[in-house]
């Protein structure tokens, strides 16, 4: 059973063939993840967020706490997405 579900819309070259689109990620309690482009429905929305990822740096503005964070990632990417997370 999934622990968290993330659905993102926007510009994401690592998950969308042409850059723009929708992607879904299922995160399980054991730490494993699965990415898919299938339609997954969230029954209970936990948060809405905006994510800007340029190079190894990512800015996240989130409706859940923390509301604003800046992260350094291990890999390079370019992503501008709006997303929702939930169960």
PDB file of N, CA and C in Angstrom:
ATOM      1  N   UNK A   1       0.844  -1.183   0.000  1.00  0.00           N
ATOM      2  CA  UNK A   1       0.000   0.000   0.000  1.00  0.00           C
ATOM      3  C   UNK A   1       0.885   1.240   0.000  1.00  0.00           C
ATOM      4  N   UNK A   2       0.606   2.230  -0.866  1.00  0.00           N
ATOM      5  CA  UNK A   2       1.450   3.428  -0.930  1.00  0.00           C
ATOM      6  C   UNK A   2       1.335   4.279   0.327  1.00  0.00           C
ATOM      7  N   UNK A   3       2.476   4.846   0.712  1.00  0.00           N
ATOM      8  CA  UNK A   3       2.529   5.744   1.854  1.00  0.00           C
ATOM      9  C   UNK A   3       2.198   7.172   1.415  1.00  0.00           C
ATOM     10  N   UNK A   4       2.767   7.594   0.275  1.00  0.00           N
ATOM     11  CA  UNK A   4       2.507   8.928  -0.268  1.00  0.00           C
ATOM     12  C   UNK A   4       2.384   8.845  -1.782  1.00  0.00           C
ATOM     13  N   UNK A   5       1.603   9.758  -2.330  1.00  0.00           N
ATOM     14  CA  UNK A   5       1.448   9.877  -3.777  1.00  0.00           C
ATOM     15  C   UNK A   5       1.724  11.326  -4.151  1.00  0.00           C
ATOM     16  N   UNK A   6       2.543  11.526  -5.186  1.00  0.00           N
ATOM     17  CA  UNK A   6       2.854  12.855  -5.686  1.00  0.00           C
ATOM     18  C   UNK A   6       2.446  12.933  -7.148  1.00  0.00           C
ATOM     19  N   UNK A   7       1.715  13.977  -7.515  1.00  0.00           N
ATOM     20  CA  UNK A   7       1.339  14.220  -8.901  1.00  0.00           C
ATOM     21  C   UNK A   7       1.832  15.606  -9.262  1.00  0.00           C
ATOM     22  N   UNK A   8       2.617  15.694 -10.359  1.00  0.00           N
ATOM     23  CA  UNK A   8       3.209  16.968 -10.763  1.00  0.00           C
ATOM     24  C   UNK A   8       2.831  17.308 -12.195  1.00  0.00           C
ATOM     25  N   UNK A   9       2.604  18.605 -12.412  1.00  0.00           N
ATOM     26  CA  UNK A   9       2.282  19.146 -13.732  1.00  0.00           C
ATOM     27  C   UNK A   9       3.288  20.238 -14.047  1.00  0.00           C
ATOM     28  N   UNK A  10       3.847  20.230 -15.247  1.00  0.00           N
ATOM     29  CA  UNK A  10       4.733  21.313 -15.623  1.00  0.00           C
ATOM     30  C   UNK A  10       5.887  20.870 -16.489  1.00  0.00           C
ATOM     31  N   UNK A  11       6.969  21.610 -16.400  1.00  0.00           N
ATOM     32  CA  UNK A  11       8.164  21.404 -17.205  1.00  0.00           C
ATOM     33  C   UNK A  11       9.140  20.530 -16.428  1.00  0.00           C
ATOM     34  N   UNK A  12       9.374  19.322 -16.930  1.00  0.00           N
ATOM     35  CA  UNK A  12      10.232  18.360 -16.240  1.00  0.00           C
ATOM     36  C   UNK A  12      10.850  17.446 -17.287  1.00  0.00           C
ATOM     37  N   UNK A  13      12.095  17.712 -17.662  1.00  0.00           N
ATOM     38  CA  UNK A  13      12.737  16.941 -18.726  1.00  0.00           C
ATOM     39  C   UNK A  13      13.182  15.550 -18.288  1.00  0.00           C
ATOM     40  N   UNK A  14      13.284  15.296 -16.987  1.00  0.00           N
ATOM     41  CA  UNK A  14      13.699  13.960 -16.554  1.00  0.00           C
ATOM     42  C   UNK A  14      12.536  12.975 -16.531  1.00  0.00           C
ATOM     43  N   UNK A  15      11.294  13.448 -16.489  1.00  0.00           N
ATOM     44  CA  UNK A  15      10.145  12.547 -16.409  1.00  0.00           C
ATOM     45  C   UNK A  15       9.175  12.647 -17.577  1.00  0.00           C
ATOM     46  N   UNK A  16       9.337  13.643 -18.440  1.00  0.00           N
ATOM     47  CA  UNK A  16       8.436  13.818 -19.580  1.00  0.00           C
ATOM     48  C   UNK A  16       9.253  13.887 -20.868  1.00  0.00           C
ATOM     49  N   UNK A  17       8.875  13.086 -21.834  1.00  0.00           N
ATOM     50  CA  UNK A  17       9.632  12.974 -23.081  1.00  0.00           C
ATOM     51  C   UNK A  17       9.829  14.319 -23.771  1.00  0.00           C
ATOM     52  N   UNK A  18       8.796  15.145 -23.807  1.00  0.00           N
ATOM     53  CA  UNK A  18       8.876  16.435 -24.481  1.00  0.00           C
ATOM     54  C   UNK A  18       9.003  17.597 -23.506  1.00  0.00           C
ATOM     55  N   UNK A  19       9.227  17.290 -22.238  1.00  0.00           N
ATOM     56  CA  UNK A  19       9.437  18.340 -21.240  1.00  0.00           C
ATOM     57  C   UNK A  19       8.188  18.710 -20.471  1.00  0.00           C
ATOM     58  N   UNK A  20       7.084  18.973 -21.173  1.00  0.00           N
ATOM     59  CA  UNK A  20       5.862  19.416 -20.509  1.00  0.00           C
ATOM     60  C   UNK A  20       4.906  18.235 -20.367  1.00  0.00           C
ATOM     61  N   UNK A  21       4.312  18.134 -19.179  1.00  0.00           N
ATOM     62  CA  UNK A  21       3.362  17.057 -18.991  1.00  0.00           C
ATOM     63  C   UNK A  21       3.030  16.805 -17.538  1.00  0.00           C
ATOM     64  N   UNK A  22       2.537  15.603 -17.301  1.00  0.00           N
ATOM     65  CA  UNK A  22       2.100  15.174 -15.973  1.00  0.00           C
ATOM     66  C   UNK A  22       2.887  13.930 -15.603  1.00  0.00           C
ATOM     67  N   UNK A  23       3.326  13.854 -14.359  1.00  0.00           N
ATOM     68  CA  UNK A  23       3.978  12.641 -13.882  1.00  0.00           C
ATOM     69  C   UNK A  23       3.492  12.327 -12.480  1.00  0.00           C
ATOM     70  N   UNK A  24       3.550  11.054 -12.127  1.00  0.00           N
ATOM     71  CA  UNK A  24       3.099  10.595 -10.815  1.00  0.00           C
ATOM     72  C   UNK A  24       4.196   9.762 -10.181  1.00  0.00           C
ATOM     73  N   UNK A  25       4.296   9.873  -8.867  1.00  0.00           N
ATOM     74  CA  UNK A  25       5.261   9.073  -8.123  1.00  0.00           C
ATOM     75  C   UNK A  25       4.567   8.484  -6.907  1.00  0.00           C
ATOM     76  N   UNK A  26       4.774   7.205  -6.695  1.00  0.00           N
ATOM     77  CA  UNK A  26       4.242   6.524  -5.528  1.00  0.00           C
ATOM     78  C   UNK A  26       5.420   6.203  -4.628  1.00  0.00           C
ATOM     79  N   UNK A  27       5.327   6.613  -3.378  1.00  0.00           N
ATOM     80  CA  UNK A  27       6.385   6.360  -2.402  1.00  0.00           C
ATOM     81  C   UNK A  27       5.843   5.403  -1.347  1.00  0.00           C
ATOM     82  N   UNK A  28       6.550   4.309  -1.144  1.00  0.00           N
ATOM     83  CA  UNK A  28       6.127   3.294  -0.179  1.00  0.00           C
ATOM     84  C   UNK A  28       6.838   3.484   1.158  1.00  0.00           C
ATOM     85  N   UNK A  29       6.279   2.926   2.212  1.00  0.00           N
ATOM     86  CA  UNK A  29       6.821   3.106   3.554  1.00  0.00           C
ATOM     87  C   UNK A  29       8.206   2.492   3.728  1.00  0.00           C
ATOM     88  N   UNK A  30       8.587   1.534   2.876  1.00  0.00           N
ATOM     89  CA  UNK A  30       9.920   0.938   2.971  1.00  0.00           C
ATOM     90  C   UNK A  30      10.993   1.769   2.265  1.00  0.00           C
ATOM     91  N   UNK A  31      10.592   2.926   1.697  1.00  0.00           N
ATOM     92  CA  UNK A  31      11.538   3.830   1.049  1.00  0.00           C
ATOM     93  C   UNK A  31      11.637   3.682  -0.451  1.00  0.00           C
ATOM     94  N   UNK A  32      11.009   2.670  -1.029  1.00  0.00           N
ATOM     95  CA  UNK A  32      11.046   2.492  -2.475  1.00  0.00           C
ATOM     96  C   UNK A  32      10.077   3.461  -3.153  1.00  0.00           C
ATOM     97  N   UNK A  33      10.386   3.783  -4.404  1.00  0.00           N
ATOM     98  CA  UNK A  33       9.565   4.712  -5.184  1.00  0.00           C
ATOM     99  C   UNK A  33       9.282   4.114  -6.549  1.00  0.00           C
ATOM    100  N   UNK A  34       8.160   4.524  -7.130  1.00  0.00           N
ATOM    101  CA  UNK A  34       7.804   4.108  -8.472  1.00  0.00           C
ATOM    102  C   UNK A  34       7.238   5.310  -9.219  1.00  0.00           C
ATOM    103  N   UNK A  35       7.819   5.636 -10.365  1.00  0.00           N
ATOM    104  CA  UNK A  35       7.320   6.722 -11.209  1.00  0.00           C
ATOM    105  C   UNK A  35       6.471   6.140 -12.319  1.00  0.00           C
ATOM    106  N   UNK A  36       5.397   6.853 -12.657  1.00  0.00           N
ATOM    107  CA  UNK A  36       4.497   6.388 -13.710  1.00  0.00           C
ATOM    108  C   UNK A  36       3.812   7.589 -14.358  1.00  0.00           C
ATOM    109  N   UNK A  37       3.294   7.377 -15.558  1.00  0.00           N
ATOM    110  CA  UNK A  37       2.495   8.408 -16.228  1.00  0.00           C
ATOM    111  C   UNK A  37       1.017   8.018 -16.226  1.00  0.00           C
ATOM    112  N   UNK A  38       0.694   6.945 -15.528  1.00  0.00           N
ATOM    113  CA  UNK A  38      -0.699   6.519 -15.430  1.00  0.00           C
ATOM    114  C   UNK A  38      -1.479   7.473 -14.536  1.00  0.00           C
ATOM    115  N   UNK A  39      -2.782   7.490 -14.709  1.00  0.00           N
ATOM    116  CA  UNK A  39      -3.663   8.320 -13.881  1.00  0.00           C
ATOM    117  C   UNK A  39      -3.806   7.680 -12.504  1.00  0.00           C
ATOM    118  N   UNK A  40      -3.331   8.361 -11.499  1.00  0.00           N
ATOM    119  CA  UNK A  40      -3.455   7.916 -10.115  1.00  0.00           C
ATOM    120  C   UNK A  40      -4.289   8.959  -9.392  1.00  0.00           C
ATOM    121  N   UNK A  41      -5.234   8.508  -8.604  1.00  0.00           N
ATOM    122  CA  UNK A  41      -6.101   9.428  -7.888  1.00  0.00           C
ATOM    123  C   UNK A  41      -5.684   9.526  -6.432  1.00  0.00           C
ATOM    124  N   UNK A  42      -5.674  10.739  -5.925  1.00  0.00           N
ATOM    125  CA  UNK A  42      -5.368  10.990  -4.522  1.00  0.00           C
ATOM    126  C   UNK A  42      -6.694  11.124  -3.781  1.00  0.00           C
ATOM    127  N   UNK A  43      -6.882  10.290  -2.772  1.00  0.00           N
ATOM    128  CA  UNK A  43      -8.132  10.345  -2.001  1.00  0.00           C
ATOM    129  C   UNK A  43      -8.117  11.466  -0.983  1.00  0.00           C
ATOM    130  N   UNK A  44      -6.955  11.719  -0.369  1.00  0.00           N
ATOM    131  CA  UNK A  44      -6.843  12.785   0.615  1.00  0.00           C
ATOM    132  C   UNK A  44      -5.615  13.626   0.289  1.00  0.00           C
ATOM    133  N   UNK A  45      -5.834  14.888  -0.089  1.00  0.00           N
ATOM    134  CA  UNK A  45      -4.734  15.793  -0.417  1.00  0.00           C
ATOM    135  C   UNK A  45      -4.111  16.317   0.866  1.00  0.00           C
ATOM    136  N   UNK A  46      -2.794  16.159   0.962  1.00  0.00           N
ATOM    137  CA  UNK A  46      -2.061  16.630   2.134  1.00  0.00           C
ATOM    138  C   UNK A  46      -1.459  18.008   1.887  1.00  0.00           C
ATOM    139  N   UNK A  47      -0.922  18.237   0.680  1.00  0.00           N
ATOM    140  CA  UNK A  47      -0.250  19.509   0.402  1.00  0.00           C
ATOM    141  C   UNK A  47      -0.271  19.822  -1.092  1.00  0.00           C
ATOM    142  N   UNK A  48      -0.108  21.103  -1.385  1.00  0.00           N
ATOM    143  CA  UNK A  48       0.101  21.600  -2.744  1.00  0.00           C
ATOM    144  C   UNK A  48       1.443  22.321  -2.721  1.00  0.00           C
ATOM    145  N   UNK A  49       2.203  22.208  -3.807  1.00  0.00           N
ATOM    146  CA  UNK A  49       3.535  22.806  -3.793  1.00  0.00           C
ATOM    147  C   UNK A  49       3.950  23.275  -5.178  1.00  0.00           C
ATOM    148  N   UNK A  50       4.939  24.159  -5.176  1.00  0.00           N
ATOM    149  CA  UNK A  50       5.598  24.635  -6.379  1.00  0.00           C
ATOM    150  C   UNK A  50       7.072  24.309  -6.219  1.00  0.00           C
ATOM    151  N   UNK A  51       7.657  23.723  -7.243  1.00  0.00           N
ATOM    152  CA  UNK A  51       9.058  23.304  -7.162  1.00  0.00           C
ATOM    153  C   UNK A  51       9.827  23.860  -8.356  1.00  0.00           C
ATOM    154  N   UNK A  52      10.929  24.531  -8.060  1.00  0.00           N
ATOM    155  CA  UNK A  52      11.842  25.039  -9.081  1.00  0.00           C
ATOM    156  C   UNK A  52      13.194  24.395  -8.829  1.00  0.00           C
ATOM    157  N   UNK A  53      13.670  23.610  -9.789  1.00  0.00           N
ATOM    158  CA  UNK A  53      14.927  22.879  -9.649  1.00  0.00           C
ATOM    159  C   UNK A  53      15.816  23.276 -10.814  1.00  0.00           C
ATOM    160  N   UNK A  54      16.960  23.898 -10.511  1.00  0.00           N
ATOM    161  CA  UNK A  54      17.926  24.319 -11.521  1.00  0.00           C
ATOM    162  C   UNK A  54      19.291  23.788 -11.109  1.00  0.00           C
ATOM    163  N   UNK A  55      19.880  22.946 -11.948  1.00  0.00           N
ATOM    164  CA  UNK A  55      21.168  22.333 -11.625  1.00  0.00           C
ATOM    165  C   UNK A  55      21.013  21.392 -10.444  1.00  0.00           C
ATOM    166  N   UNK A  56      21.774  21.661  -9.374  1.00  0.00           N
ATOM    167  CA  UNK A  56      21.685  20.839  -8.167  1.00  0.00           C
ATOM    168  C   UNK A  56      20.888  21.522  -7.060  1.00  0.00           C
ATOM    169  N   UNK A  57      20.288  22.660  -7.361  1.00  0.00           N
ATOM    170  CA  UNK A  57      19.582  23.429  -6.336  1.00  0.00           C
ATOM    171  C   UNK A  57      18.083  23.438  -6.600  1.00  0.00           C
ATOM    172  N   UNK A  58      17.309  23.285  -5.517  1.00  0.00           N
ATOM    173  CA  UNK A  58      15.860  23.214  -5.639  1.00  0.00           C
ATOM    174  C   UNK A  58      15.200  24.131  -4.608  1.00  0.00           C
ATOM    175  N   UNK A  59      14.255  24.916  -5.079  1.00  0.00           N
ATOM    176  CA  UNK A  59      13.435  25.784  -4.236  1.00  0.00           C
ATOM    177  C   UNK A  59      12.042  25.176  -4.181  1.00  0.00           C
ATOM    178  N   UNK A  60      11.492  25.017  -2.965  1.00  0.00           N
ATOM    179  CA  UNK A  60      10.161  24.449  -2.799  1.00  0.00           C
ATOM    180  C   UNK A  60       9.313  25.416  -1.981  1.00  0.00           C
ATOM    181  N   UNK A  61       8.148  25.762  -2.518  1.00  0.00           N
ATOM    182  CA  UNK A  61       7.153  26.546  -1.791  1.00  0.00           C
ATOM    183  C   UNK A  61       5.976  25.601  -1.602  1.00  0.00           C
ATOM    184  N   UNK A  62       5.641  25.322  -0.332  1.00  0.00           N
ATOM    185  CA  UNK A  62       4.722  24.238   0.007  1.00  0.00           C
ATOM    186  C   UNK A  62       3.618  24.733   0.934  1.00  0.00           C
ATOM    187  N   UNK A  63       2.405  24.181   0.770  1.00  0.00           N
ATOM    188  CA  UNK A  63       1.311  24.532   1.685  1.00  0.00           C
ATOM    189  C   UNK A  63       1.445  23.795   3.007  1.00  0.00           C
ATOM    190  N   UNK A  64       2.266  22.753   3.045  1.00  0.00           N
ATOM    191  CA  UNK A  64       2.549  22.009   4.272  1.00  0.00           C
ATOM    192  C   UNK A  64       3.864  22.533   4.852  1.00  0.00           C
ATOM    193  N   UNK A  65       4.168  22.223   6.082  1.00  0.00           N
ATOM    194  CA  UNK A  65       5.399  22.709   6.704  1.00  0.00           C
ATOM    195  C   UNK A  65       6.584  21.864   6.293  1.00  0.00           C
ATOM    196  N   UNK A  66       7.767  22.423   6.036  1.00  0.00           N
ATOM    197  CA  UNK A  66       8.047  23.851   6.015  1.00  0.00           C
ATOM    198  C   UNK A  66       7.477  24.485   4.746  1.00  0.00           C
ATOM    199  N   UNK A  67       6.990  25.691   4.856  1.00  0.00           N
ATOM    200  CA  UNK A  67       6.322  26.355   3.732  1.00  0.00           C
ATOM    201  C   UNK A  67       7.298  26.805   2.656  1.00  0.00           C
ATOM    202  N   UNK A  68       8.549  26.986   3.022  1.00  0.00           N
ATOM    203  CA  UNK A  68       9.561  27.465   2.097  1.00  0.00           C
ATOM    204  C   UNK A  68      10.864  26.754   2.438  1.00  0.00           C
ATOM    205  N   UNK A  69      11.476  26.097   1.453  1.00  0.00           N
ATOM    206  CA  UNK A  69      12.772  25.476   1.729  1.00  0.00           C
ATOM    207  C   UNK A  69      13.643  25.486   0.480  1.00  0.00           C
ATOM    208  N   UNK A  70      14.919  25.438   0.715  1.00  0.00           N
ATOM    209  CA  UNK A  70      15.939  25.440  -0.322  1.00  0.00           C
ATOM    210  C   UNK A  70      16.783  24.193  -0.088  1.00  0.00           C
ATOM    211  N   UNK A  71      16.897  23.327  -1.107  1.00  0.00           N
ATOM    212  CA  UNK A  71      17.614  22.065  -0.957  1.00  0.00           C
ATOM    213  C   UNK A  71      18.714  21.943  -2.003  1.00  0.00           C
ATOM    214  N   UNK A  72      19.761  21.223  -1.645  1.00  0.00           N
ATOM    215  CA  UNK A  72      20.802  20.862  -2.599  1.00  0.00           C
ATOM    216  C   UNK A  72      20.657  19.374  -2.879  1.00  0.00           C
ATOM    217  N   UNK A  73      20.558  19.014  -4.159  1.00  0.00           N
ATOM    218  CA  UNK A  73      20.348  17.632  -4.569  1.00  0.00           C
ATOM    219  C   UNK A  73      21.661  17.027  -5.082  1.00  0.00           C
ATOM    220  N   UNK A  74      21.687  15.710  -5.225  1.00  0.00           N
ATOM    221  CA  UNK A  74      22.892  15.013  -5.691  1.00  0.00           C
ATOM    222  C   UNK A  74      23.027  15.030  -7.213  1.00  0.00           C
ATOM    223  N   UNK A  75      21.910  15.127  -7.918  1.00  0.00           N
ATOM    224  CA  UNK A  75      21.959  15.081  -9.381  1.00  0.00           C
ATOM    225  C   UNK A  75      21.497  16.400  -9.991  1.00  0.00           C
ATOM    226  N   UNK A  76      21.842  16.593 -11.253  1.00  0.00           N
ATOM    227  CA  UNK A  76      21.433  17.785 -11.991  1.00  0.00           C
ATOM    228  C   UNK A  76      20.065  17.566 -12.624  1.00  0.00           C
ATOM    229  N   UNK A  77      19.245  18.623 -12.647  1.00  0.00           N
ATOM    230  CA  UNK A  77      17.942  18.548 -13.293  1.00  0.00           C
ATOM    231  C   UNK A  77      17.457  19.975 -13.548  1.00  0.00           C
ATOM    232  N   UNK A  78      16.458  20.082 -14.414  1.00  0.00           N
ATOM    233  CA  UNK A  78      15.759  21.347 -14.621  1.00  0.00           C
ATOM    234  C   UNK A  78      14.278  21.027 -14.561  1.00  0.00           C
ATOM    235  N   UNK A  79      13.583  21.658 -13.616  1.00  0.00           N
ATOM    236  CA  UNK A  79      12.179  21.329 -13.390  1.00  0.00           C
ATOM    237  C   UNK A  79      11.449  22.563 -12.866  1.00  0.00           C
ATOM    238  N   UNK A  80      10.293  22.859 -13.438  1.00  0.00           N
ATOM    239  CA  UNK A  80       9.382  23.877 -12.924  1.00  0.00           C
ATOM    240  C   UNK A  80       8.009  23.212 -12.896  1.00  0.00           C
ATOM    241  N   UNK A  81       7.546  22.853 -11.691  1.00  0.00           N
ATOM    242  CA  UNK A  81       6.292  22.099 -11.601  1.00  0.00           C
ATOM    243  C   UNK A  81       5.404  22.596 -10.471  1.00  0.00           C
ATOM    244  N   UNK A  82       4.118  22.350 -10.664  1.00  0.00           N
ATOM    245  CA  UNK A  82       3.106  22.502  -9.610  1.00  0.00           C
ATOM    246  C   UNK A  82       2.706  21.081  -9.261  1.00  0.00           C
ATOM    247  N   UNK A  83       2.608  20.794  -7.970  1.00  0.00           N
ATOM    248  CA  UNK A  83       2.273  19.426  -7.600  1.00  0.00           C
ATOM    249  C   UNK A  83       1.322  19.357  -6.416  1.00  0.00           C
ATOM    250  N   UNK A  84       0.733  18.171  -6.270  1.00  0.00           N
ATOM    251  CA  UNK A  84      -0.087  17.865  -5.094  1.00  0.00           C
ATOM    252  C   UNK A  84       0.430  16.552  -4.516  1.00  0.00           C
ATOM    253  N   UNK A  85       0.320  16.446  -3.201  1.00  0.00           N
ATOM    254  CA  UNK A  85       0.723  15.203  -2.546  1.00  0.00           C
ATOM    255  C   UNK A  85      -0.382  14.765  -1.606  1.00  0.00           C
ATOM    256  N   UNK A  86      -0.444  13.478  -1.371  1.00  0.00           N
ATOM    257  CA  UNK A  86      -1.477  12.952  -0.500  1.00  0.00           C
ATOM    258  C   UNK A  86      -1.409  11.457  -0.394  1.00  0.00           C
ATOM    259  N   UNK A  87      -2.571  10.873  -0.095  1.00  0.00           N
ATOM    260  CA  UNK A  87      -2.661   9.432   0.139  1.00  0.00           C
ATOM    261  C   UNK A  87      -3.663   8.803  -0.798  1.00  0.00           C
TER     262      UNK A  87
END
